[in-house]
């Protein structure tokens, strides 16, 4: 549904229609982790916080969450 990069461009997070968020290291192309949020509702937007240590998501359930 959406992807977001951290400020240094080394991490990318992607979100899906079934409420999953996956994070990857751009340089190694390895998955770093997977999270479930928003009660498995569609996540339509994902962005990194300015510090890069949190991710903000927006969902079809009309909420925004930090993960």
N, C-alpha and C. Protein backbone atom coordinates (compact mmCIF):
# COMPACT_ATOMS: atom_id res chain seq x y z
N UNK A 1 0.81 -1.19 0.00
CA UNK A 1 0.00 0.00 0.00
C UNK A 1 0.86 1.27 0.00
N UNK A 2 1.97 1.23 0.80
CA UNK A 2 2.84 2.40 0.89
C UNK A 2 4.21 1.96 1.39
N UNK A 3 5.24 2.73 1.09
CA UNK A 3 6.57 2.51 1.64
C UNK A 3 7.12 3.83 2.14
N UNK A 4 7.98 3.76 3.14
CA UNK A 4 8.65 4.94 3.66
C UNK A 4 10.09 4.62 3.99
N UNK A 5 10.97 5.61 3.78
CA UNK A 5 12.39 5.45 4.07
C UNK A 5 12.77 6.30 5.27
N UNK A 6 13.76 5.83 6.04
CA UNK A 6 14.27 6.69 7.10
C UNK A 6 15.12 7.79 6.46
N UNK A 7 15.52 8.79 7.26
CA UNK A 7 16.21 9.95 6.71
C UNK A 7 17.54 9.60 6.03
N UNK A 8 18.23 8.59 6.52
CA UNK A 8 19.51 8.23 5.92
C UNK A 8 19.34 7.34 4.69
N UNK A 9 18.12 6.84 4.46
CA UNK A 9 17.84 6.00 3.30
C UNK A 9 18.31 4.57 3.44
N UNK A 10 18.66 4.16 4.67
CA UNK A 10 19.17 2.80 4.88
C UNK A 10 18.09 1.80 5.27
N UNK A 11 16.95 2.30 5.72
CA UNK A 11 15.83 1.44 6.11
C UNK A 11 14.59 1.80 5.30
N UNK A 12 13.82 0.80 4.96
CA UNK A 12 12.55 1.02 4.29
C UNK A 12 11.49 0.19 5.01
N UNK A 13 10.33 0.78 5.21
CA UNK A 13 9.20 0.09 5.80
C UNK A 13 8.07 0.09 4.79
N UNK A 14 7.40 -1.02 4.69
CA UNK A 14 6.27 -1.15 3.79
C UNK A 14 5.05 -1.63 4.55
N UNK A 15 3.87 -1.17 4.14
CA UNK A 15 2.64 -1.59 4.81
C UNK A 15 1.71 -2.25 3.80
N UNK A 16 0.81 -3.07 4.32
CA UNK A 16 -0.03 -3.90 3.47
C UNK A 16 -1.51 -3.70 3.75
N UNK A 17 -2.32 -4.29 2.89
CA UNK A 17 -3.77 -4.21 3.04
C UNK A 17 -4.28 -5.05 4.20
N UNK A 18 -3.48 -5.98 4.71
CA UNK A 18 -3.94 -6.82 5.83
C UNK A 18 -3.31 -6.43 7.16
N UNK A 19 -2.80 -5.22 7.27
CA UNK A 19 -2.33 -4.69 8.54
C UNK A 19 -0.92 -5.05 8.92
N UNK A 20 -0.11 -5.51 7.99
CA UNK A 20 1.28 -5.84 8.29
C UNK A 20 2.20 -4.68 7.92
N UNK A 21 3.29 -4.57 8.68
CA UNK A 21 4.36 -3.63 8.39
C UNK A 21 5.64 -4.44 8.36
N UNK A 22 6.39 -4.33 7.29
CA UNK A 22 7.67 -5.03 7.19
C UNK A 22 8.77 -4.00 6.99
N UNK A 23 9.91 -4.24 7.67
CA UNK A 23 11.04 -3.33 7.56
C UNK A 23 12.24 -4.07 6.98
N UNK A 24 12.96 -3.38 6.08
CA UNK A 24 14.11 -3.97 5.41
C UNK A 24 15.31 -3.04 5.49
N UNK A 25 16.50 -3.64 5.53
CA UNK A 25 17.74 -2.90 5.38
C UNK A 25 18.00 -2.77 3.88
N UNK A 26 18.12 -1.55 3.40
CA UNK A 26 18.29 -1.30 1.97
C UNK A 26 19.62 -1.86 1.46
N UNK A 27 20.67 -1.74 2.25
CA UNK A 27 22.00 -2.16 1.81
C UNK A 27 22.13 -3.68 1.72
N UNK A 28 21.61 -4.39 2.71
CA UNK A 28 21.75 -5.85 2.74
C UNK A 28 20.56 -6.57 2.09
N UNK A 29 19.47 -5.83 1.86
CA UNK A 29 18.23 -6.39 1.31
C UNK A 29 17.63 -7.47 2.21
N UNK A 30 17.90 -7.37 3.50
CA UNK A 30 17.37 -8.34 4.46
C UNK A 30 16.20 -7.74 5.23
N UNK A 31 15.22 -8.61 5.47
CA UNK A 31 14.08 -8.19 6.29
C UNK A 31 14.53 -8.11 7.74
N UNK A 32 14.20 -7.01 8.40
CA UNK A 32 14.59 -6.80 9.79
C UNK A 32 13.48 -7.17 10.76
N UNK A 33 12.26 -7.19 10.29
CA UNK A 33 11.17 -7.53 11.17
C UNK A 33 9.82 -7.29 10.54
N UNK A 34 8.83 -7.82 11.20
CA UNK A 34 7.44 -7.68 10.75
C UNK A 34 6.58 -7.36 11.95
N UNK A 35 5.66 -6.44 11.77
CA UNK A 35 4.76 -6.05 12.85
C UNK A 35 3.32 -6.12 12.34
N UNK A 36 2.42 -6.34 13.24
CA UNK A 36 1.00 -6.32 12.92
C UNK A 36 0.40 -5.15 13.70
N UNK A 37 -0.42 -4.38 13.04
CA UNK A 37 -1.05 -3.25 13.71
C UNK A 37 -2.45 -3.00 13.21
N UNK A 38 -3.17 -2.17 13.90
CA UNK A 38 -4.50 -1.73 13.47
C UNK A 38 -5.48 -2.89 13.30
N UNK A 39 -5.38 -3.90 14.14
CA UNK A 39 -6.35 -5.00 14.13
C UNK A 39 -6.54 -5.62 12.75
N UNK A 40 -5.44 -5.74 12.02
CA UNK A 40 -5.42 -6.35 10.69
C UNK A 40 -6.20 -5.55 9.64
N UNK A 41 -6.50 -4.27 9.93
CA UNK A 41 -7.12 -3.41 8.92
C UNK A 41 -6.05 -2.88 7.98
N UNK A 42 -6.49 -2.42 6.81
CA UNK A 42 -5.58 -1.89 5.81
C UNK A 42 -4.79 -0.72 6.36
N UNK A 43 -3.47 -0.78 6.21
CA UNK A 43 -2.61 0.35 6.56
C UNK A 43 -2.29 1.06 5.27
N UNK A 44 -2.66 2.33 5.19
CA UNK A 44 -2.54 3.05 3.94
C UNK A 44 -1.32 3.97 3.88
N UNK A 45 -0.69 4.24 5.02
CA UNK A 45 0.45 5.18 5.03
C UNK A 45 1.42 4.77 6.10
N UNK A 46 2.70 4.85 5.79
CA UNK A 46 3.76 4.56 6.75
C UNK A 46 4.88 5.59 6.56
N UNK A 47 5.33 6.21 7.67
CA UNK A 47 6.43 7.18 7.64
C UNK A 47 7.30 6.97 8.87
N UNK A 48 8.59 7.22 8.71
CA UNK A 48 9.51 7.17 9.84
C UNK A 48 9.46 8.47 10.60
N UNK A 49 9.66 8.40 11.91
CA UNK A 49 9.81 9.62 12.71
C UNK A 49 11.12 10.29 12.32
N UNK A 50 11.28 11.58 12.61
CA UNK A 50 12.53 12.27 12.26
C UNK A 50 13.77 11.60 12.87
N UNK A 51 13.62 11.01 14.05
CA UNK A 51 14.76 10.33 14.68
C UNK A 51 15.04 8.97 14.04
N UNK A 52 14.05 8.43 13.32
CA UNK A 52 14.23 7.15 12.64
C UNK A 52 14.01 5.93 13.50
N UNK A 53 13.67 6.12 14.77
CA UNK A 53 13.52 4.96 15.64
C UNK A 53 12.06 4.54 15.85
N UNK A 54 11.13 5.23 15.22
CA UNK A 54 9.71 4.86 15.30
C UNK A 54 9.08 5.02 13.93
N UNK A 55 7.95 4.34 13.75
CA UNK A 55 7.20 4.42 12.50
C UNK A 55 5.78 4.86 12.84
N UNK A 56 5.27 5.80 12.07
CA UNK A 56 3.89 6.25 12.21
C UNK A 56 3.08 5.63 11.09
N UNK A 57 1.93 5.05 11.42
CA UNK A 57 1.07 4.44 10.42
C UNK A 57 -0.33 5.04 10.48
N UNK A 58 -0.99 5.06 9.34
CA UNK A 58 -2.39 5.49 9.25
C UNK A 58 -3.17 4.34 8.63
N UNK A 59 -4.38 4.12 9.13
CA UNK A 59 -5.13 2.92 8.74
C UNK A 59 -6.56 3.23 8.33
N UNK A 60 -7.15 2.25 7.67
CA UNK A 60 -8.56 2.33 7.29
C UNK A 60 -9.47 2.37 8.51
N UNK A 61 -8.96 1.99 9.68
CA UNK A 61 -9.76 2.06 10.90
C UNK A 61 -9.82 3.49 11.47
N UNK A 62 -9.30 4.46 10.68
CA UNK A 62 -9.34 5.89 11.00
C UNK A 62 -8.51 6.25 12.23
N UNK A 63 -7.39 5.52 12.41
CA UNK A 63 -6.47 5.84 13.50
C UNK A 63 -5.06 5.96 12.94
N UNK A 64 -4.23 6.65 13.70
CA UNK A 64 -2.79 6.73 13.43
C UNK A 64 -2.09 6.18 14.65
N UNK A 65 -1.01 5.42 14.43
CA UNK A 65 -0.30 4.82 15.55
C UNK A 65 1.20 4.89 15.32
N UNK A 66 1.93 5.00 16.44
CA UNK A 66 3.38 4.86 16.42
C UNK A 66 3.70 3.41 16.75
N UNK A 67 4.60 2.83 16.01
CA UNK A 67 5.08 1.47 16.31
C UNK A 67 6.58 1.49 16.38
